[in-house]
Amino acid sequence: MTQQATAATAPTITNGVDVTALFDTIKAIKNNNEIAKFQFRAKNQWIDAGHNRSEIKEFYGACEEDQTRSEPFVLDSGEPPILLGNDSGANPVEYVLHALAGCMTTTMVYHAASRGIRIEGVRSELEGDIDIRGFLGLSKDVRKGYQAVRVKMYVKSEASPEQLAELAKYSPVYDIVSNSLPVQVTIEKS
């Protein structure tokens, strides 16, 4: 094999992302929109008081059930003592901050890679404000969830902060958090 042929088949890696595979994926989706449809799933079991546990394993994507995970990811949720828990895990609204940070970071890195923008480092700090009178049903004027969330990202890159912010906002979790979406709840007796 010639050196030119080897270079032509080697993937392009930017920010740890296989950009060659990324563009191949985009091309495949352009040819068949069904490949883009994913369904992620979680199963949750209450343990005690504010402690519950989720398992995340199966998902549907690229026109088939995923078979790559042999074990589930296990996530414990709890509440701090001030909220009558025993700190058995981060509380659910803290997981929302984690999901938002993780998704915005990944999104920024992937979109930057697809544009040839190098990123040397990303870290973030998030704050979310909640007035628990809404959760407790003490005020109809106070929403149950976050009233505001602030995300501060520190990015080492030659790209401008405005350009990087635009890339981060492609995040699906940013979209979920910043826009309303329908959530269907069904309760069945077991």
N, C-alpha and C. Protein backbone atom coordinates (compact mmCIF):
# COMPACT_ATOMS: atom_id res chain seq x y z
N MET A 1 0.86 -1.18 0.00
CA MET A 1 0.00 0.00 0.00
C MET A 1 0.90 1.23 0.00
N THR A 2 0.56 2.17 -0.83
CA THR A 2 1.36 3.40 -0.89
C THR A 2 1.05 4.30 0.30
N GLN A 3 1.98 5.23 0.57
CA GLN A 3 1.77 6.16 1.68
C GLN A 3 0.56 7.06 1.40
N GLN A 4 0.34 7.42 0.13
CA GLN A 4 -0.79 8.27 -0.22
C GLN A 4 -2.12 7.54 0.07
N ALA A 5 -2.20 6.26 -0.24
CA ALA A 5 -3.42 5.50 0.00
C ALA A 5 -3.68 5.37 1.50
N THR A 6 -2.62 5.19 2.30
CA THR A 6 -2.77 5.09 3.74
C THR A 6 -3.31 6.40 4.31
N ALA A 7 -2.77 7.51 3.86
CA ALA A 7 -3.22 8.82 4.35
C ALA A 7 -4.67 9.08 3.96
N ALA A 8 -5.07 8.59 2.79
CA ALA A 8 -6.44 8.81 2.32
C ALA A 8 -7.45 8.03 3.15
N THR A 9 -7.04 6.90 3.73
CA THR A 9 -7.98 6.08 4.49
C THR A 9 -7.93 6.37 5.99
N ALA A 10 -6.93 7.10 6.46
CA ALA A 10 -6.83 7.41 7.89
C ALA A 10 -7.91 8.43 8.26
N PRO A 11 -8.60 8.21 9.37
CA PRO A 11 -9.65 9.16 9.77
C PRO A 11 -9.04 10.48 10.23
N THR A 12 -9.80 11.54 10.05
CA THR A 12 -9.41 12.85 10.56
C THR A 12 -9.98 12.98 11.96
N ILE A 13 -9.12 13.26 12.93
CA ILE A 13 -9.54 13.39 14.32
C ILE A 13 -9.32 14.84 14.74
N THR A 14 -10.37 15.48 15.22
CA THR A 14 -10.31 16.84 15.76
C THR A 14 -11.04 16.84 17.09
N ASN A 15 -10.41 17.34 18.14
CA ASN A 15 -10.99 17.38 19.48
C ASN A 15 -11.37 15.99 19.98
N GLY A 16 -10.66 14.96 19.50
CA GLY A 16 -10.96 13.60 19.90
C GLY A 16 -12.12 12.99 19.12
N VAL A 17 -12.69 13.75 18.20
CA VAL A 17 -13.85 13.30 17.41
C VAL A 17 -13.37 12.80 16.06
N ASP A 18 -13.83 11.62 15.66
CA ASP A 18 -13.55 11.09 14.33
C ASP A 18 -14.44 11.85 13.34
N VAL A 19 -13.89 12.92 12.77
CA VAL A 19 -14.65 13.79 11.88
C VAL A 19 -15.01 13.05 10.59
N THR A 20 -14.19 12.13 10.16
CA THR A 20 -14.50 11.34 8.98
C THR A 20 -15.78 10.55 9.21
N ALA A 21 -15.87 9.87 10.35
CA ALA A 21 -17.08 9.10 10.68
C ALA A 21 -18.28 10.04 10.88
N LEU A 22 -18.04 11.21 11.46
CA LEU A 22 -19.11 12.18 11.66
C LEU A 22 -19.72 12.59 10.32
N PHE A 23 -18.87 12.93 9.36
CA PHE A 23 -19.39 13.32 8.04
C PHE A 23 -20.03 12.15 7.31
N ASP A 24 -19.51 10.93 7.51
CA ASP A 24 -20.15 9.75 6.92
C ASP A 24 -21.55 9.56 7.50
N THR A 25 -21.68 9.80 8.81
CA THR A 25 -22.99 9.69 9.48
C THR A 25 -23.96 10.73 8.93
N ILE A 26 -23.49 11.96 8.80
CA ILE A 26 -24.33 13.03 8.25
C ILE A 26 -24.79 12.68 6.83
N LYS A 27 -23.89 12.16 6.03
CA LYS A 27 -24.23 11.77 4.66
C LYS A 27 -25.28 10.66 4.65
N ALA A 28 -25.10 9.67 5.54
CA ALA A 28 -26.07 8.57 5.62
C ALA A 28 -27.45 9.09 6.02
N ILE A 29 -27.49 10.02 6.98
CA ILE A 29 -28.78 10.58 7.42
C ILE A 29 -29.43 11.39 6.31
N LYS A 30 -28.63 12.12 5.54
CA LYS A 30 -29.19 12.87 4.40
C LYS A 30 -29.83 11.92 3.39
N ASN A 31 -29.28 10.72 3.26
CA ASN A 31 -29.82 9.72 2.33
C ASN A 31 -31.00 8.95 2.89
N ASN A 32 -31.13 8.90 4.25
CA ASN A 32 -32.22 8.17 4.88
C ASN A 32 -32.51 8.82 6.23
N ASN A 33 -33.53 9.67 6.29
CA ASN A 33 -33.88 10.38 7.52
C ASN A 33 -34.22 9.47 8.68
N GLU A 34 -34.65 8.24 8.42
CA GLU A 34 -35.02 7.31 9.49
C GLU A 34 -33.83 7.00 10.39
N ILE A 35 -32.61 7.08 9.86
CA ILE A 35 -31.40 6.81 10.65
C ILE A 35 -31.28 7.80 11.81
N ALA A 36 -31.83 8.99 11.65
CA ALA A 36 -31.69 10.05 12.65
C ALA A 36 -32.64 9.89 13.84
N LYS A 37 -33.57 8.97 13.78
CA LYS A 37 -34.58 8.83 14.84
C LYS A 37 -34.07 7.92 15.95
N PHE A 38 -33.98 8.49 17.16
CA PHE A 38 -33.50 7.76 18.33
C PHE A 38 -34.57 7.79 19.42
N GLN A 39 -34.56 6.77 20.26
CA GLN A 39 -35.41 6.75 21.45
C GLN A 39 -34.53 6.25 22.59
N PHE A 40 -34.33 7.14 23.58
CA PHE A 40 -33.55 6.77 24.76
C PHE A 40 -34.51 6.40 25.88
N ARG A 41 -34.06 5.52 26.78
CA ARG A 41 -34.95 4.99 27.81
C ARG A 41 -34.25 4.95 29.16
N ALA A 42 -35.04 5.07 30.19
CA ALA A 42 -34.55 4.90 31.56
C ALA A 42 -35.60 4.15 32.35
N LYS A 43 -35.17 3.32 33.28
CA LYS A 43 -36.06 2.63 34.20
C LYS A 43 -35.69 3.09 35.60
N ASN A 44 -36.70 3.41 36.42
CA ASN A 44 -36.45 3.95 37.74
C ASN A 44 -37.21 3.15 38.78
N GLN A 45 -36.60 2.99 39.95
CA GLN A 45 -37.22 2.27 41.06
C GLN A 45 -37.02 3.07 42.34
N TRP A 46 -38.11 3.35 43.04
CA TRP A 46 -38.03 4.03 44.33
C TRP A 46 -37.42 3.08 45.35
N ILE A 47 -36.52 3.58 46.19
CA ILE A 47 -35.88 2.75 47.22
C ILE A 47 -36.41 3.11 48.61
N ASP A 48 -36.28 4.39 49.00
CA ASP A 48 -36.75 4.81 50.31
C ASP A 48 -36.69 6.34 50.39
N ALA A 49 -37.71 6.93 50.98
CA ALA A 49 -37.77 8.40 51.16
C ALA A 49 -37.45 9.08 49.82
N GLY A 50 -36.43 9.91 49.76
CA GLY A 50 -36.06 10.60 48.52
C GLY A 50 -35.08 9.83 47.66
N HIS A 51 -34.75 8.59 48.04
CA HIS A 51 -33.76 7.79 47.30
C HIS A 51 -34.45 6.92 46.25
N ASN A 52 -34.01 7.06 45.01
CA ASN A 52 -34.47 6.18 43.94
C ASN A 52 -33.32 5.94 42.99
N ARG A 53 -33.44 4.93 42.17
CA ARG A 53 -32.33 4.50 41.30
C ARG A 53 -32.84 4.30 39.88
N SER A 54 -32.08 4.84 38.94
CA SER A 54 -32.38 4.64 37.52
C SER A 54 -31.33 3.75 36.89
N GLU A 55 -31.79 2.95 35.96
CA GLU A 55 -30.89 2.15 35.12
C GLU A 55 -31.12 2.57 33.68
N ILE A 56 -30.02 2.79 33.00
CA ILE A 56 -30.08 3.22 31.60
C ILE A 56 -29.22 2.25 30.79
N LYS A 57 -29.86 1.57 29.86
CA LYS A 57 -29.13 0.59 29.06
C LYS A 57 -29.61 0.60 27.61
N GLU A 58 -30.83 0.15 27.36
CA GLU A 58 -31.30 -0.01 25.99
C GLU A 58 -31.68 1.34 25.38
N PHE A 59 -31.46 1.44 24.07
CA PHE A 59 -31.99 2.55 23.30
C PHE A 59 -32.13 2.11 21.85
N TYR A 60 -32.95 2.85 21.14
CA TYR A 60 -33.17 2.59 19.70
C TYR A 60 -32.49 3.71 18.94
N GLY A 61 -31.77 3.37 17.89
CA GLY A 61 -31.14 4.38 17.05
C GLY A 61 -30.58 3.79 15.78
N ALA A 62 -30.49 4.60 14.75
CA ALA A 62 -29.97 4.16 13.45
C ALA A 62 -30.74 2.95 12.93
N CYS A 63 -32.06 2.98 13.14
CA CYS A 63 -32.99 1.97 12.61
C CYS A 63 -32.91 0.60 13.29
N GLU A 64 -32.35 0.55 14.51
CA GLU A 64 -32.31 -0.73 15.21
C GLU A 64 -32.11 -0.55 16.71
N GLU A 65 -32.41 -1.60 17.46
CA GLU A 65 -32.14 -1.60 18.89
C GLU A 65 -30.63 -1.72 19.09
N ASP A 66 -30.10 -0.91 19.98
CA ASP A 66 -28.67 -0.97 20.27
C ASP A 66 -28.34 -2.23 21.05
N GLN A 67 -27.25 -2.88 20.71
CA GLN A 67 -26.82 -4.10 21.39
C GLN A 67 -25.42 -3.96 22.00
N THR A 68 -24.90 -2.74 22.09
CA THR A 68 -23.51 -2.57 22.49
C THR A 68 -23.28 -2.55 24.00
N ARG A 69 -24.32 -2.27 24.78
CA ARG A 69 -24.15 -2.16 26.23
C ARG A 69 -24.48 -3.49 26.90
N SER A 70 -23.48 -4.06 27.59
CA SER A 70 -23.74 -5.32 28.29
C SER A 70 -24.28 -5.08 29.70
N GLU A 71 -23.98 -3.94 30.29
CA GLU A 71 -24.44 -3.60 31.64
C GLU A 71 -25.08 -2.22 31.62
N PRO A 72 -26.08 -2.00 32.46
CA PRO A 72 -26.71 -0.68 32.50
C PRO A 72 -25.84 0.33 33.26
N PHE A 73 -26.04 1.60 32.96
CA PHE A 73 -25.51 2.66 33.79
C PHE A 73 -26.49 2.82 34.95
N VAL A 74 -25.98 2.92 36.16
CA VAL A 74 -26.84 3.02 37.35
C VAL A 74 -26.64 4.40 37.97
N LEU A 75 -27.74 5.12 38.15
CA LEU A 75 -27.71 6.47 38.69
C LEU A 75 -28.62 6.55 39.91
N ASP A 76 -28.06 6.90 41.04
CA ASP A 76 -28.86 7.07 42.25
C ASP A 76 -29.23 8.53 42.42
N SER A 77 -30.49 8.78 42.76
CA SER A 77 -30.97 10.12 43.07
C SER A 77 -31.36 10.15 44.53
N GLY A 78 -31.07 11.26 45.16
CA GLY A 78 -31.45 11.43 46.56
C GLY A 78 -31.73 12.89 46.84
N GLU A 79 -31.77 13.22 48.08
CA GLU A 79 -31.97 14.59 48.52
C GLU A 79 -31.01 14.86 49.67
N PRO A 80 -30.55 16.10 49.80
CA PRO A 80 -29.69 16.43 50.94
C PRO A 80 -30.52 16.45 52.23
N PRO A 81 -29.87 16.36 53.38
CA PRO A 81 -30.62 16.36 54.64
C PRO A 81 -31.56 17.55 54.81
N ILE A 82 -31.20 18.73 54.33
CA ILE A 82 -32.07 19.90 54.46
C ILE A 82 -33.40 19.70 53.74
N LEU A 83 -33.40 18.78 52.74
CA LEU A 83 -34.63 18.45 52.03
C LEU A 83 -35.12 17.05 52.41
N LEU A 84 -34.80 16.64 53.63
CA LEU A 84 -35.29 15.42 54.27
C LEU A 84 -34.73 14.13 53.67
N GLY A 85 -33.59 14.22 53.01
CA GLY A 85 -32.96 13.03 52.44
C GLY A 85 -31.72 12.63 53.21
N ASN A 86 -31.02 11.62 52.69
CA ASN A 86 -29.78 11.17 53.32
C ASN A 86 -28.59 11.23 52.38
N ASP A 87 -28.67 12.11 51.38
CA ASP A 87 -27.57 12.31 50.42
C ASP A 87 -27.15 11.02 49.72
N SER A 88 -28.12 10.21 49.30
CA SER A 88 -27.82 8.96 48.62
C SER A 88 -27.44 9.17 47.16
N GLY A 89 -27.48 10.40 46.70
CA GLY A 89 -27.09 10.74 45.34
C GLY A 89 -27.45 12.20 45.07
N ALA A 90 -26.99 12.70 43.95
CA ALA A 90 -27.38 14.05 43.55
C ALA A 90 -28.90 14.08 43.41
N ASN A 91 -29.50 15.23 43.68
CA ASN A 91 -30.95 15.27 43.52
C ASN A 91 -31.31 15.48 42.05
N PRO A 92 -32.54 15.19 41.67
CA PRO A 92 -32.91 15.24 40.25
C PRO A 92 -32.63 16.58 39.57
N VAL A 93 -32.83 17.70 40.26
CA VAL A 93 -32.55 18.98 39.60
C VAL A 93 -31.06 19.19 39.42
N GLU A 94 -30.24 18.58 40.29
CA GLU A 94 -28.79 18.63 40.07
C GLU A 94 -28.40 17.79 38.85
N TYR A 95 -29.10 16.67 38.64
CA TYR A 95 -28.86 15.87 37.43
C TYR A 95 -29.19 16.67 36.17
N VAL A 96 -30.20 17.53 36.26
CA VAL A 96 -30.53 18.39 35.11
C VAL A 96 -29.34 19.29 34.78
N LEU A 97 -28.71 19.86 35.80
CA LEU A 97 -27.52 20.70 35.57
C LEU A 97 -26.40 19.87 34.96
N HIS A 98 -26.20 18.66 35.47
CA HIS A 98 -25.18 17.76 34.92
C HIS A 98 -25.48 17.44 33.45
N ALA A 99 -26.73 17.11 33.16
CA ALA A 99 -27.12 16.78 31.78
C ALA A 99 -26.89 17.97 30.86
N LEU A 100 -27.26 19.16 31.34
CA LEU A 100 -27.09 20.37 30.53
C LEU A 100 -25.61 20.64 30.27
N ALA A 101 -24.78 20.57 31.30
CA ALA A 101 -23.34 20.81 31.13
C ALA A 101 -22.72 19.78 30.20
N GLY A 102 -23.06 18.50 30.43
CA GLY A 102 -22.49 17.44 29.60
C GLY A 102 -22.88 17.58 28.14
N CYS A 103 -24.15 17.88 27.90
CA CYS A 103 -24.63 17.97 26.52
C CYS A 103 -24.09 19.21 25.82
N MET A 104 -24.07 20.34 26.51
CA MET A 104 -23.54 21.55 25.88
C MET A 104 -22.05 21.41 25.57
N THR A 105 -21.31 20.74 26.46
CA THR A 105 -19.88 20.52 26.23
C THR A 105 -19.67 19.61 25.03
N THR A 106 -20.34 18.46 25.03
CA THR A 106 -20.20 17.52 23.91
C THR A 106 -20.62 18.16 22.60
N THR A 107 -21.74 18.88 22.63
CA THR A 107 -22.24 19.52 21.42
C THR A 107 -21.22 20.53 20.88
N MET A 108 -20.69 21.37 21.77
CA MET A 108 -19.70 22.35 21.33
C MET A 108 -18.49 21.67 20.71
N VAL A 109 -17.98 20.64 21.38
CA VAL A 109 -16.79 19.94 20.89
C VAL A 109 -17.05 19.29 19.53
N TYR A 110 -18.19 18.62 19.37
CA TYR A 110 -18.50 17.95 18.10
C TYR A 110 -18.71 18.96 16.97
N HIS A 111 -19.50 20.00 17.25
CA HIS A 111 -19.75 20.99 16.20
C HIS A 111 -18.47 21.75 15.85
N ALA A 112 -17.64 22.03 16.83
CA ALA A 112 -16.36 22.67 16.54
C ALA A 112 -15.50 21.76 15.67
N ALA A 113 -15.45 20.48 16.02
CA ALA A 113 -14.65 19.53 15.22
C ALA A 113 -15.12 19.49 13.78
N SER A 114 -16.46 19.52 13.59
CA SER A 114 -16.98 19.45 12.22
C SER A 114 -16.61 20.69 11.41
N ARG A 115 -16.30 21.79 12.10
CA ARG A 115 -15.91 23.02 11.42
C ARG A 115 -14.40 23.24 11.42
N GLY A 116 -13.65 22.26 11.92
CA GLY A 116 -12.20 22.37 11.96
C GLY A 116 -11.69 23.29 13.07
N ILE A 117 -12.53 23.56 14.06
CA ILE A 117 -12.14 24.43 15.18
C ILE A 117 -11.56 23.55 16.28
N ARG A 118 -10.33 23.82 16.65
CA ARG A 118 -9.69 23.05 17.71
C ARG A 118 -10.06 23.61 19.08
N ILE A 119 -10.35 22.70 20.01
CA ILE A 119 -10.63 23.05 21.39
C ILE A 119 -9.63 22.29 22.26
N GLU A 120 -8.94 23.03 23.11
CA GLU A 120 -7.94 22.40 23.98
C GLU A 120 -8.48 22.06 25.36
N GLY A 121 -9.55 22.72 25.78
CA GLY A 121 -10.10 22.43 27.09
C GLY A 121 -11.44 23.10 27.28
N VAL A 122 -12.32 22.45 28.04
CA VAL A 122 -13.63 23.01 28.37
C VAL A 122 -13.93 22.62 29.82
N ARG A 123 -14.35 23.59 30.59
CA ARG A 123 -14.92 23.32 31.91
C ARG A 123 -16.06 24.29 32.10
N SER A 124 -16.99 23.95 32.95
CA SER A 124 -18.15 24.81 33.13
C SER A 124 -18.61 24.82 34.57
N GLU A 125 -19.33 25.88 34.91
CA GLU A 125 -19.95 26.04 36.22
C GLU A 125 -21.40 26.40 35.97
N LEU A 126 -22.31 25.71 36.64
CA LEU A 126 -23.74 25.95 36.46
C LEU A 126 -24.40 26.25 37.79
N GLU A 127 -25.40 27.11 37.73
CA GLU A 127 -26.22 27.43 38.89
C GLU A 127 -27.66 27.44 38.44
N GLY A 128 -28.52 26.88 39.27
CA GLY A 128 -29.95 26.91 38.99
C GLY A 128 -30.69 27.39 40.23
N ASP A 129 -31.63 28.31 40.03
CA ASP A 129 -32.40 28.88 41.14
C ASP A 129 -33.79 28.28 41.21
N ILE A 130 -34.13 27.74 42.39
CA ILE A 130 -35.45 27.15 42.63
C ILE A 130 -36.01 27.73 43.92
N ASP A 131 -37.26 28.07 43.88
CA ASP A 131 -38.01 28.47 45.07
C ASP A 131 -38.93 27.29 45.36
N ILE A 132 -38.68 26.53 46.43
CA ILE A 132 -39.43 25.28 46.64
C ILE A 132 -40.87 25.50 47.07
N ARG A 133 -41.31 26.76 47.21
CA ARG A 133 -42.74 26.98 47.48
C ARG A 133 -43.59 26.42 46.33
N GLY A 134 -43.06 26.46 45.09
CA GLY A 134 -43.80 25.88 43.96
C GLY A 134 -43.94 24.38 44.10
N PHE A 135 -42.85 23.70 44.39
CA PHE A 135 -42.85 22.25 44.59
C PHE A 135 -43.77 21.85 45.74
N LEU A 136 -43.75 22.64 46.82
CA LEU A 136 -44.57 22.32 48.00
C LEU A 136 -46.03 22.71 47.84
N GLY A 137 -46.38 23.36 46.73
CA GLY A 137 -47.76 23.77 46.51
C GLY A 137 -48.19 24.94 47.37
N LEU A 138 -47.22 25.72 47.85
CA LEU A 138 -47.52 26.85 48.72
C LEU A 138 -47.80 28.14 47.97
N SER A 139 -47.47 28.17 46.69
CA SER A 139 -47.72 29.37 45.89
C SER A 139 -47.97 28.97 44.44
N LYS A 140 -49.08 29.42 43.91
CA LYS A 140 -49.38 29.17 42.50
C LYS A 140 -48.61 30.12 41.59
N ASP A 141 -48.00 31.16 42.18
CA ASP A 141 -47.24 32.13 41.41
C ASP A 141 -45.78 31.74 41.24
N VAL A 142 -45.37 30.67 41.89
CA VAL A 142 -43.98 30.22 41.83
C VAL A 142 -43.93 28.90 41.07
N ARG A 143 -43.12 28.85 40.01
CA ARG A 143 -43.04 27.60 39.26
C ARG A 143 -42.35 26.52 40.09
N LYS A 144 -42.61 25.27 39.75
CA LYS A 144 -42.09 24.14 40.50
C LYS A 144 -40.61 23.88 40.22
N GLY A 145 -40.17 24.24 39.04
CA GLY A 145 -38.79 23.98 38.65
C GLY A 145 -37.92 25.22 38.72
N TYR A 146 -36.80 25.13 38.02
CA TYR A 146 -35.87 26.26 38.01
C TYR A 146 -36.53 27.52 37.48
N GLN A 147 -36.27 28.64 38.16
CA GLN A 147 -36.69 29.94 37.64
C GLN A 147 -35.65 30.47 36.65
N ALA A 148 -34.39 30.11 36.90
CA ALA A 148 -33.29 30.54 36.01
C ALA A 148 -32.13 29.56 36.17
N VAL A 149 -31.41 29.39 35.08
CA VAL A 149 -30.19 28.59 35.08
C VAL A 149 -29.11 29.43 34.41
N ARG A 150 -27.94 29.45 35.05
CA ARG A 150 -26.79 30.17 34.48
C ARG A 150 -25.69 29.16 34.18
N VAL A 151 -25.17 29.24 32.97
CA VAL A 151 -24.08 28.36 32.53
C VAL A 151 -22.90 29.24 32.18
N LYS A 152 -21.78 28.99 32.83
CA LYS A 152 -20.54 29.71 32.51
C LYS A 152 -19.54 28.68 32.04
N MET A 153 -19.13 28.80 30.79
CA MET A 153 -18.19 27.85 30.21
C MET A 153 -16.85 28.54 30.01
N TYR A 154 -15.79 27.82 30.37
CA TYR A 154 -14.43 28.30 30.17
C TYR A 154 -13.82 27.42 29.08
N VAL A 155 -13.52 28.03 27.94
CA VAL A 155 -13.08 27.25 26.78
C VAL A 155 -11.74 27.77 26.30
N LYS A 156 -10.80 26.85 26.13
CA LYS A 156 -9.50 27.19 25.57
C LYS A 156 -9.54 26.84 24.08
N SER A 157 -9.61 27.90 23.25
CA SER A 157 -9.74 27.72 21.80
C SER A 157 -9.43 29.05 21.12
N GLU A 158 -9.05 28.97 19.88
CA GLU A 158 -8.84 30.18 19.08
C GLU A 158 -10.16 30.80 18.62
N ALA A 159 -11.24 30.04 18.69
CA ALA A 159 -12.56 30.53 18.25
C ALA A 159 -13.06 31.60 19.23
N SER A 160 -13.92 32.46 18.74
CA SER A 160 -14.46 33.52 19.59
C SER A 160 -15.49 32.95 20.57
N PRO A 161 -15.69 33.62 21.72
CA PRO A 161 -16.72 33.17 22.66
C PRO A 161 -18.11 33.13 22.01
N GLU A 162 -18.42 34.08 21.14
CA GLU A 162 -19.72 34.10 20.46
C GLU A 162 -19.89 32.89 19.56
N GLN A 163 -18.84 32.55 18.84
CA GLN A 163 -18.89 31.39 17.95
C GLN A 163 -19.07 30.10 18.75
N LEU A 164 -18.35 29.98 19.86
CA LEU A 164 -18.45 28.78 20.69
C LEU A 164 -19.81 28.68 21.36
N ALA A 165 -20.37 29.82 21.80
CA ALA A 165 -21.71 29.82 22.42
C ALA A 165 -22.76 29.35 21.41
N GLU A 166 -22.62 29.80 20.17
CA GLU A 166 -23.57 29.37 19.13
C GLU A 166 -23.49 27.86 18.93
N LEU A 167 -22.28 27.30 18.94
CA LEU A 167 -22.12 25.86 18.76
C LEU A 167 -22.72 25.09 19.94
N ALA A 168 -22.51 25.58 21.16
CA ALA A 168 -23.02 24.91 22.36
C ALA A 168 -24.55 24.87 22.37
N LYS A 169 -25.18 25.87 21.78
CA LYS A 169 -26.64 25.96 21.81
C LYS A 169 -27.33 24.99 20.84
N TYR A 170 -26.55 24.21 20.09
CA TYR A 170 -27.14 23.12 19.29
C TYR A 170 -27.51 21.95 20.21
N SER A 171 -27.14 22.02 21.47
CA SER A 171 -27.34 20.95 22.43
C SER A 171 -28.81 20.56 22.58
N PRO A 172 -29.12 19.25 22.45
CA PRO A 172 -30.49 18.81 22.69
C PRO A 172 -30.98 19.11 24.12
N VAL A 173 -30.11 18.98 25.12
CA VAL A 173 -30.55 19.26 26.49
C VAL A 173 -30.77 20.76 26.69
N TYR A 174 -29.96 21.60 26.06
CA TYR A 174 -30.20 23.04 26.10
C TYR A 174 -31.59 23.33 25.53
N ASP A 175 -31.93 22.68 24.44
CA ASP A 175 -33.26 22.85 23.84
C ASP A 175 -34.35 22.39 24.80
N ILE A 176 -34.16 21.25 25.44
CA ILE A 176 -35.15 20.72 26.38
C ILE A 176 -35.36 21.68 27.55
N VAL A 177 -34.26 22.18 28.10
CA VAL A 177 -34.33 23.04 29.28
C VAL A 177 -34.86 24.43 28.94
N SER A 178 -34.49 24.96 27.80
CA SER A 178 -34.85 26.35 27.47
C SER A 178 -36.19 26.48 26.74
N ASN A 179 -36.79 25.37 26.33
CA ASN A 179 -38.08 25.38 25.65
C ASN A 179 -39.01 24.36 26.29
N SER A 180 -40.29 24.65 26.26
CA SER A 180 -41.25 23.68 26.78
C SER A 180 -41.37 22.52 25.80
N LEU A 181 -41.66 21.36 26.33
CA LEU A 181 -41.95 20.22 25.47
C LEU A 181 -43.03 19.39 26.11
N PRO A 182 -43.82 18.70 25.32
CA PRO A 182 -44.87 17.88 25.91
C PRO A 182 -44.28 16.66 26.61
N VAL A 183 -44.78 16.40 27.81
CA VAL A 183 -44.39 15.21 28.56
C VAL A 183 -45.69 14.49 28.92
N GLN A 184 -45.83 13.28 28.44
CA GLN A 184 -47.03 12.49 28.70
C GLN A 184 -46.77 11.61 29.91
N VAL A 185 -47.62 11.71 30.93
CA VAL A 185 -47.49 10.91 32.15
C VAL A 185 -48.66 9.96 32.25
N THR A 186 -48.38 8.67 32.45
CA THR A 186 -49.40 7.66 32.65
C THR A 186 -49.11 6.96 33.98
N ILE A 187 -50.10 6.79 34.81
CA ILE A 187 -49.94 6.08 36.07
C ILE A 187 -50.75 4.80 36.00
N GLU A 188 -50.12 3.67 36.30
CA GLU A 188 -50.80 2.39 36.35
C GLU A 188 -50.56 1.78 37.72
N LYS A 189 -51.58 1.18 38.30
CA LYS A 189 -51.42 0.51 39.58
C LYS A 189 -50.73 -0.83 39.36
N SER A 190 -49.79 -1.13 40.25
CA SER A 190 -49.08 -2.41 40.10
C SER A 190 -49.43 -3.36 41.22
